[in-house]
Amino acid sequence: MPMYEFQVEAHAHYEAQQSIPQQGVYRFAYTITVTNTGEVAAQLIARHWLITDAQQAQQEVHGLGVVGRQPLLQPGESFSYSSGCELRTDSGSMQGRYVCITEDGEIFDAPIAPFALNVEADPEPDRSSTLAQPSSRTLH
């Protein structure tokens, strides 16, 4: 097992009620689960997204934390959150990375593999499950 590692899983779906296709507005929601698969506690401190639509137009998003938080994850602990984005086409993709820092001060990146944003994708996921939230601990 690597000493410093976060595994990232993403699931996206189309938000038909929030979209206006005739005006080129396609809203997508996604849920991300980040799991500390490393050997030491680490904190997610920043994000970098690259969002690409079907015409290859790209948006870059940089920022601190996710949904206003910078979760500190112990080995084996997970954090899930939901957010969204808007495209001008009915399909596209997202990919990126999280910048993380360990309790011993090492900085590492957690890659976010590309995932599809597609109007024709599966229906909305079941949102009845409770998402695990770590306590609000902060390293830096």
C-alpha atoms as a PDB file:
ATOM      1  CA  MET A   1       0.000   0.000   0.000  1.00  0.00           C
ATOM      2  CA  PRO A   2       1.399   3.445  -0.914  1.00  0.00           C
ATOM      3  CA  MET A   3       2.167   5.696   2.017  1.00  0.00           C
ATOM      4  CA  TYR A   4       0.255   8.682   0.525  1.00  0.00           C
ATOM      5  CA  GLU A   5      -2.788   7.908  -1.603  1.00  0.00           C
ATOM      6  CA  PHE A   6      -6.409   8.973  -2.030  1.00  0.00           C
ATOM      7  CA  GLN A   7      -8.717   6.931  -4.262  1.00  0.00           C
ATOM      8  CA  VAL A   8     -11.405   8.989  -6.021  1.00  0.00           C
ATOM      9  CA  GLU A   9     -14.712   7.618  -7.371  1.00  0.00           C
ATOM     10  CA  ALA A  10     -17.147   9.744  -9.380  1.00  0.00           C
ATOM     11  CA  HIS A  11     -20.763   9.227 -10.466  1.00  0.00           C
ATOM     12  CA  ALA A  12     -22.595  11.784 -12.633  1.00  0.00           C
ATOM     13  CA  HIS A  13     -26.115  12.265 -13.946  1.00  0.00           C
ATOM     14  CA  TYR A  14     -28.063  14.761 -16.049  1.00  0.00           C
ATOM     15  CA  GLU A  15     -30.340  17.273 -14.287  1.00  0.00           C
ATOM     16  CA  ALA A  16     -33.202  17.641 -16.783  1.00  0.00           C
ATOM     17  CA  GLN A  17     -35.303  19.953 -14.555  1.00  0.00           C
ATOM     18  CA  GLN A  18     -32.412  22.436 -14.254  1.00  0.00           C
ATOM     19  CA  SER A  19     -31.475  22.358 -17.944  1.00  0.00           C
ATOM     20  CA  ILE A  20     -32.681  24.446 -20.899  1.00  0.00           C
ATOM     21  CA  PRO A  21     -31.481  22.518 -23.984  1.00  0.00           C
ATOM     22  CA  GLN A  22     -32.955  25.023 -26.486  1.00  0.00           C
ATOM     23  CA  GLN A  23     -30.667  27.669 -24.912  1.00  0.00           C
ATOM     24  CA  GLY A  24     -27.606  25.393 -24.724  1.00  0.00           C
ATOM     25  CA  VAL A  25     -27.807  24.908 -20.958  1.00  0.00           C
ATOM     26  CA  TYR A  26     -27.197  21.352 -19.771  1.00  0.00           C
ATOM     27  CA  ARG A  27     -26.791  20.872 -16.006  1.00  0.00           C
ATOM     28  CA  PHE A  28     -25.099  17.801 -14.573  1.00  0.00           C
ATOM     29  CA  ALA A  29     -24.752  16.706 -10.961  1.00  0.00           C
ATOM     30  CA  TYR A  30     -22.008  14.460  -9.678  1.00  0.00           C
ATOM     31  CA  THR A  31     -21.121  12.711  -6.450  1.00  0.00           C
ATOM     32  CA  ILE A  32     -17.496  12.188  -5.504  1.00  0.00           C
ATOM     33  CA  THR A  33     -16.206   9.768  -2.882  1.00  0.00           C
ATOM     34  CA  VAL A  34     -12.620  10.242  -1.730  1.00  0.00           C
ATOM     35  CA  THR A  35     -11.041   7.414   0.292  1.00  0.00           C
ATOM     36  CA  ASN A  36      -7.685   7.569   2.029  1.00  0.00           C
ATOM     37  CA  THR A  37      -6.072   4.328   0.847  1.00  0.00           C
ATOM     38  CA  GLY A  38      -2.660   5.394   2.121  1.00  0.00           C
ATOM     39  CA  GLU A  39      -0.905   4.680   5.399  1.00  0.00           C
ATOM     40  CA  VAL A  40      -1.091   8.137   7.033  1.00  0.00           C
ATOM     41  CA  ALA A  41      -3.771  10.769   7.668  1.00  0.00           C
ATOM     42  CA  ALA A  42      -4.031  13.403   4.942  1.00  0.00           C
ATOM     43  CA  GLN A  43      -6.131  16.452   4.189  1.00  0.00           C
ATOM     44  CA  LEU A  44      -7.675  17.448   0.860  1.00  0.00           C
ATOM     45  CA  ILE A  45      -6.743  21.122   0.562  1.00  0.00           C
ATOM     46  CA  ALA A  46      -7.441  22.142  -3.048  1.00  0.00           C
ATOM     47  CA  ARG A  47      -9.041  21.034  -6.314  1.00  0.00           C
ATOM     48  CA  HIS A  48      -8.316  21.445 -10.018  1.00  0.00           C
ATOM     49  CA  TRP A  49     -10.972  20.419 -12.551  1.00  0.00           C
ATOM     50  CA  LEU A  50     -10.862  20.343 -16.334  1.00  0.00           C
ATOM     51  CA  ILE A  51     -14.381  20.245 -17.791  1.00  0.00           C
ATOM     52  CA  THR A  52     -14.698  19.568 -21.532  1.00  0.00           C
ATOM     53  CA  ASP A  53     -17.884  19.690 -23.613  1.00  0.00           C
ATOM     54  CA  ALA A  54     -18.665  17.796 -26.854  1.00  0.00           C
ATOM     55  CA  GLN A  55     -17.239  20.678 -28.946  1.00  0.00           C
ATOM     56  CA  GLN A  56     -13.944  20.456 -26.992  1.00  0.00           C
ATOM     57  CA  ALA A  57     -14.570  23.787 -25.227  1.00  0.00           C
ATOM     58  CA  GLN A  58     -12.855  23.612 -21.841  1.00  0.00           C
ATOM     59  CA  GLN A  59     -13.408  25.193 -18.446  1.00  0.00           C
ATOM     60  CA  GLU A  60     -10.808  25.039 -15.692  1.00  0.00           C
ATOM     61  CA  VAL A  61     -11.846  25.262 -12.054  1.00  0.00           C
ATOM     62  CA  HIS A  62      -9.344  25.836  -9.236  1.00  0.00           C
ATOM     63  CA  GLY A  63     -10.183  26.350  -5.599  1.00  0.00           C
ATOM     64  CA  LEU A  64      -9.568  25.513  -1.995  1.00  0.00           C
ATOM     65  CA  GLY A  65     -11.220  22.367  -0.653  1.00  0.00           C
ATOM     66  CA  VAL A  66     -14.506  20.960  -1.887  1.00  0.00           C
ATOM     67  CA  VAL A  67     -17.997  22.286  -1.086  1.00  0.00           C
ATOM     68  CA  GLY A  68     -16.469  24.659   1.460  1.00  0.00           C
ATOM     69  CA  ARG A  69     -14.579  21.934   3.319  1.00  0.00           C
ATOM     70  CA  GLN A  70     -11.045  20.612   3.535  1.00  0.00           C
ATOM     71  CA  PRO A  71     -11.620  17.117   4.920  1.00  0.00           C
ATOM     72  CA  LEU A  72      -8.918  15.376   6.932  1.00  0.00           C
ATOM     73  CA  LEU A  73      -9.083  11.620   6.305  1.00  0.00           C
ATOM     74  CA  GLN A  74      -7.504   8.931   8.442  1.00  0.00           C
ATOM     75  CA  PRO A  75      -6.314   5.775   6.619  1.00  0.00           C
ATOM     76  CA  GLY A  76      -9.403   3.903   5.416  1.00  0.00           C
ATOM     77  CA  GLU A  77     -11.739   6.873   5.972  1.00  0.00           C
ATOM     78  CA  SER A  78     -13.944   8.280   3.175  1.00  0.00           C
ATOM     79  CA  PHE A  79     -15.594  11.609   2.419  1.00  0.00           C
ATOM     80  CA  SER A  80     -18.445  12.031  -0.080  1.00  0.00           C
ATOM     81  CA  TYR A  81     -19.971  15.178  -1.515  1.00  0.00           C
ATOM     82  CA  SER A  82     -22.217  16.258  -4.367  1.00  0.00           C
ATOM     83  CA  SER A  83     -21.841  19.210  -6.691  1.00  0.00           C
ATOM     84  CA  GLY A  84     -22.621  20.140 -10.283  1.00  0.00           C
ATOM     85  CA  CYS A  85     -21.526  21.796 -13.488  1.00  0.00           C
ATOM     86  CA  GLU A  86     -23.040  23.242 -16.632  1.00  0.00           C
ATOM     87  CA  LEU A  87     -22.200  22.499 -20.266  1.00  0.00           C
ATOM     88  CA  ARG A  88     -23.299  24.084 -23.540  1.00  0.00           C
ATOM     89  CA  THR A  89     -23.606  20.627 -25.138  1.00  0.00           C
ATOM     90  CA  ASP A  90     -25.474  17.474 -24.157  1.00  0.00           C
ATOM     91  CA  SER A  91     -22.299  15.572 -23.335  1.00  0.00           C
ATOM     92  CA  GLY A  92     -18.764  16.061 -22.133  1.00  0.00           C
ATOM     93  CA  SER A  93     -16.354  14.950 -19.455  1.00  0.00           C
ATOM     94  CA  MET A  94     -14.645  16.012 -16.236  1.00  0.00           C
ATOM     95  CA  GLN A  95     -11.236  15.116 -14.868  1.00  0.00           C
ATOM     96  CA  GLY A  96      -8.748  16.642 -12.524  1.00  0.00           C
ATOM     97  CA  ARG A  97      -6.860  16.281  -9.282  1.00  0.00           C
ATOM     98  CA  TYR A  98      -6.991  17.073  -5.602  1.00  0.00           C
ATOM     99  CA  VAL A  99      -3.985  18.568  -3.848  1.00  0.00           C
ATOM    100  CA  CYS A 100      -3.508  16.903  -0.472  1.00  0.00           C
ATOM    101  CA  ILE A 101      -1.156  17.265   2.482  1.00  0.00           C
ATOM    102  CA  THR A 102      -0.252  14.585   4.996  1.00  0.00           C
ATOM    103  CA  GLU A 103       0.030  14.974   8.729  1.00  0.00           C
ATOM    104  CA  ASP A 104       3.817  14.800   8.299  1.00  0.00           C
ATOM    105  CA  GLY A 105       3.789  17.720   5.814  1.00  0.00           C
ATOM    106  CA  GLU A 106       4.145  15.877   2.481  1.00  0.00           C
ATOM    107  CA  ILE A 107       2.115  17.265  -0.428  1.00  0.00           C
ATOM    108  CA  PHE A 108       0.729  14.859  -3.030  1.00  0.00           C
ATOM    109  CA  ASP A 109      -1.846  14.850  -5.826  1.00  0.00           C
ATOM    110  CA  ALA A 110      -4.851  12.556  -5.966  1.00  0.00           C
ATOM    111  CA  PRO A 111      -5.811  12.152  -9.644  1.00  0.00           C
ATOM    112  CA  ILE A 112      -9.471  12.211 -10.661  1.00  0.00           C
ATOM    113  CA  ALA A 113      -9.898   9.953 -13.688  1.00  0.00           C
ATOM    114  CA  PRO A 114     -12.056  11.273 -16.541  1.00  0.00           C
ATOM    115  CA  PHE A 115     -15.768  10.585 -16.171  1.00  0.00           C
ATOM    116  CA  ALA A 116     -18.599  11.159 -18.634  1.00  0.00           C
ATOM    117  CA  LEU A 117     -21.319  13.781 -18.519  1.00  0.00           C
ATOM    118  CA  ASN A 118     -24.079  12.603 -20.828  1.00  0.00           C
ATOM    119  CA  VAL A 119     -27.785  13.387 -21.228  1.00  0.00           C
ATOM    120  CA  GLU A 120     -28.354   9.780 -22.329  1.00  0.00           C
ATOM    121  CA  ALA A 121     -26.715   8.306 -19.186  1.00  0.00           C
ATOM    122  CA  ASP A 122     -28.402   6.249 -16.501  1.00  0.00           C
ATOM    123  CA  PRO A 123     -31.221   7.798 -14.435  1.00  0.00           C
ATOM    124  CA  GLU A 124     -30.486   9.637 -11.181  1.00  0.00           C
ATOM    125  CA  PRO A 125     -28.877   7.551  -8.430  1.00  0.00           C
ATOM    126  CA  ASP A 126     -30.618   6.723  -5.173  1.00  0.00           C
ATOM    127  CA  ARG A 127     -29.918   9.647  -2.834  1.00  0.00           C
ATOM    128  CA  SER A 128     -31.479   8.047   0.236  1.00  0.00           C
ATOM    129  CA  SER A 129     -28.181   6.731   1.594  1.00  0.00           C
ATOM    130  CA  THR A 130     -26.283   8.768   4.144  1.00  0.00           C
ATOM    131  CA  LEU A 131     -22.885  10.069   3.116  1.00  0.00           C
ATOM    132  CA  ALA A 132     -20.021   9.542   5.542  1.00  0.00           C
ATOM    133  CA  GLN A 133     -18.649  12.831   6.854  1.00  0.00           C
ATOM    134  CA  PRO A 134     -15.443  12.973   8.865  1.00  0.00           C
ATOM    135  CA  SER A 135     -15.257  15.331  11.804  1.00  0.00           C
ATOM    136  CA  SER A 136     -14.078  18.857  11.075  1.00  0.00           C
ATOM    137  CA  ARG A 137     -10.398  18.377  11.827  1.00  0.00           C
ATOM    138  CA  THR A 138      -7.769  20.560  10.205  1.00  0.00           C
ATOM    139  CA  LEU A 139      -4.059  20.008   9.690  1.00  0.00           C
ATOM    140  CA  HIS A 140      -3.087  23.252   7.925  1.00  0.00           C
END
